[in-house]
C-alpha cells in the first residue's frame, strides 16, 4: 500500500498518531464524520463516551468496507469530542486501538468542541483513506 509514516526528528514523540503520512496513491476516499448512530438512526451509548466511540469506529469500519478498504488504508483522522478533558481520552483511545493496534497510526487531529449536531452525541470522527491502486475503481 502506498502510505508511508514518518515521525521526524525535531517534533515531539507522538502517542497514538503519526506526524506525517505520505500517500502516493492517485485517489483518496473521504469518509464523512461518523457519530454514534446505529443503522436505524438511534443514538448508541447516550452519556457514555466509550460506548459512543465504539459505535463510531464500527460505523467507520462499515463505511470503509463499502469501498473495499479498512483501517490500514486510513492516513488522516480528525476526532471531535464534546467538552474535551483528559478523562475522556482513554475510552476513545481504546476504541481506536482496537482498530490500529500498535500502529502505524494515521496523521491525527483531536478537537474539543462545545456541541455536535445532536446534543446526545459526544464524539465524531472523520477519516481519509487511500485506494491501493489509482486505476482501481472504488468498491468491494
Protein backbone atom coordinates (compact mmCIF):
# COMPACT_ATOMS: atom_id res chain seq x y z
CA UNK A 1 0.00 0.00 0.00
CA UNK A 2 1.45 3.39 -0.93
CA UNK A 3 1.30 5.02 2.52
CA UNK A 4 4.47 5.85 4.43
CA UNK A 5 4.57 7.02 8.05
CA UNK A 6 7.14 9.49 9.38
CA UNK A 7 7.92 10.96 12.79
CA UNK A 8 10.73 13.39 12.00
CA UNK A 9 13.42 14.36 14.46
CA UNK A 10 12.68 17.78 15.91
CA UNK A 11 8.99 17.03 16.56
CA UNK A 12 7.63 15.66 19.84
CA UNK A 13 7.25 11.88 20.17
CA UNK A 14 3.68 11.07 19.10
CA UNK A 15 1.37 8.96 21.23
CA UNK A 16 -1.28 7.20 19.16
CA UNK A 17 -0.77 9.19 15.96
CA UNK A 18 1.84 9.84 13.27
CA UNK A 19 3.10 13.35 12.50
CA UNK A 20 3.34 12.80 8.74
CA UNK A 21 1.65 10.27 6.48
CA UNK A 22 2.58 10.44 2.82
CA UNK A 23 0.20 8.98 0.26
CA UNK A 24 1.48 8.07 -3.14
CA UNK A 25 -1.88 6.79 -4.32
CA UNK A 26 -3.63 8.67 -7.06
CA UNK A 27 -7.01 8.72 -5.35
CA UNK A 28 -8.32 9.20 -1.85
CA UNK A 29 -11.57 8.27 -0.17
CA UNK A 30 -13.08 10.81 2.23
CA UNK A 31 -15.39 9.36 4.88
CA UNK A 32 -17.82 11.86 6.39
CA UNK A 33 -17.73 12.35 10.13
CA UNK A 34 -19.28 9.32 11.79
CA UNK A 35 -21.22 9.62 15.04
CA UNK A 36 -22.76 7.11 17.46
CA UNK A 37 -25.89 6.35 15.47
CA UNK A 38 -26.98 2.79 14.69
CA UNK A 39 -28.41 1.73 11.32
CA UNK A 40 -31.87 2.97 12.38
CA UNK A 41 -30.55 6.40 13.36
CA UNK A 42 -30.74 5.85 17.13
CA UNK A 43 -28.05 7.28 19.42
CA UNK A 44 -25.94 4.48 20.90
CA UNK A 45 -24.43 4.96 24.37
CA UNK A 46 -26.16 8.17 25.39
CA UNK A 47 -23.95 9.82 28.01
CA UNK A 48 -21.15 7.20 27.62
CA UNK A 49 -18.12 8.31 25.57
CA UNK A 50 -16.71 4.76 25.47
CA UNK A 51 -19.85 3.20 24.02
CA UNK A 52 -20.19 6.07 21.59
CA UNK A 53 -16.56 5.75 20.46
CA UNK A 54 -17.09 2.02 19.82
CA UNK A 55 -20.14 2.77 17.66
CA UNK A 56 -18.29 5.50 15.78
CA UNK A 57 -15.45 3.11 14.90
CA UNK A 58 -17.94 0.38 13.91
CA UNK A 59 -19.58 2.91 11.60
CA UNK A 60 -16.19 3.83 10.14
CA UNK A 61 -15.49 0.12 9.51
CA UNK A 62 -18.77 -0.17 7.61
CA UNK A 63 -18.10 2.98 5.59
CA UNK A 64 -14.55 1.92 4.69
CA UNK A 65 -15.68 -1.61 3.78
CA UNK A 66 -18.26 -0.14 1.38
CA UNK A 67 -15.35 0.85 -0.88
CA UNK A 68 -13.23 -2.22 -0.16
CA UNK A 69 -10.98 -0.58 2.42
CA UNK A 70 -10.12 -0.95 6.10
CA UNK A 71 -8.27 0.94 8.81
CA UNK A 72 -4.80 0.19 7.35
CA UNK A 73 -5.80 2.41 4.40
CA UNK A 74 -6.55 5.41 6.65
CA UNK A 75 -3.89 8.11 6.52
CA UNK A 76 -5.73 11.06 8.14
CA UNK A 77 -8.17 11.15 11.06
CA UNK A 78 -9.92 14.07 12.74
CA UNK A 79 -11.72 13.43 16.03
CA UNK A 80 -14.15 15.88 17.63
CA UNK A 81 -15.04 15.39 21.31
CA UNK A 82 -17.69 17.42 23.14
CA UNK A 83 -16.35 19.01 26.34
CA UNK A 84 -12.88 17.53 25.81
CA UNK A 85 -10.95 16.86 29.02
CA UNK A 86 -8.21 14.32 29.85
CA UNK A 87 -10.51 11.75 31.48
CA UNK A 88 -12.49 11.39 28.23
CA UNK A 89 -9.46 10.26 26.23
CA UNK A 90 -8.83 6.68 27.50
CA UNK A 91 -12.10 5.19 26.16
CA UNK A 92 -11.63 6.99 22.84
CA UNK A 93 -8.05 5.70 22.58
CA UNK A 94 -9.21 2.18 23.49
CA UNK A 95 -11.76 2.12 20.66
CA UNK A 96 -9.14 3.41 18.23
CA UNK A 97 -6.52 0.93 19.47
CA UNK A 98 -8.84 -1.99 18.63
CA UNK A 99 -8.57 -0.91 15.00
CA UNK A 100 -4.97 0.32 14.75
CA UNK A 101 -3.23 -1.78 17.43
CA UNK A 102 0.35 -0.61 17.87
CA UNK A 103 0.30 1.25 14.56
CA UNK A 104 1.22 2.55 12.18
CA UNK A 105 -1.15 5.35 13.02
CA UNK A 106 -2.66 7.94 10.67
CA UNK A 107 -1.88 11.61 10.93
CA UNK A 108 -4.41 12.73 13.52
CA UNK A 109 -6.05 15.81 14.96
CA UNK A 110 -8.16 15.88 18.14
CA UNK A 111 -10.50 18.84 18.59
CA UNK A 112 -12.60 19.77 21.61
CA UNK A 113 -15.99 21.19 20.65
CA UNK A 114 -18.97 22.54 22.57
CA UNK A 115 -21.57 20.51 20.68
CA UNK A 116 -22.26 18.24 17.72
CA UNK A 117 -25.35 18.07 15.50
CA UNK A 118 -27.37 16.21 18.18
CA UNK A 119 -26.97 17.15 21.87
CA UNK A 120 -26.76 13.44 22.83
CA UNK A 121 -23.69 12.86 20.64
CA UNK A 122 -20.28 13.12 22.31
CA UNK A 123 -17.82 12.16 19.55
CA UNK A 124 -17.46 12.40 15.78
CA UNK A 125 -14.61 11.01 13.67
CA UNK A 126 -13.85 11.63 10.01
CA UNK A 127 -11.13 9.87 8.02
CA UNK A 128 -9.36 9.99 4.68
CA UNK A 129 -8.11 6.71 3.21
CA UNK A 130 -6.02 5.74 0.19
CA UNK A 131 -7.10 3.35 -2.53
CA UNK A 132 -4.50 0.64 -3.17
CA UNK A 133 -4.16 1.32 -6.89
CA UNK A 134 -5.10 4.58 -8.61
CA UNK A 135 -6.52 2.59 -11.54
CA UNK A 136 -8.88 0.53 -9.36
CA UNK A 137 -12.42 1.87 -9.09
CA UNK A 138 -13.83 2.28 -5.58
CA UNK A 139 -15.97 -0.59 -4.39
CA UNK A 140 -15.64 -4.06 -2.91
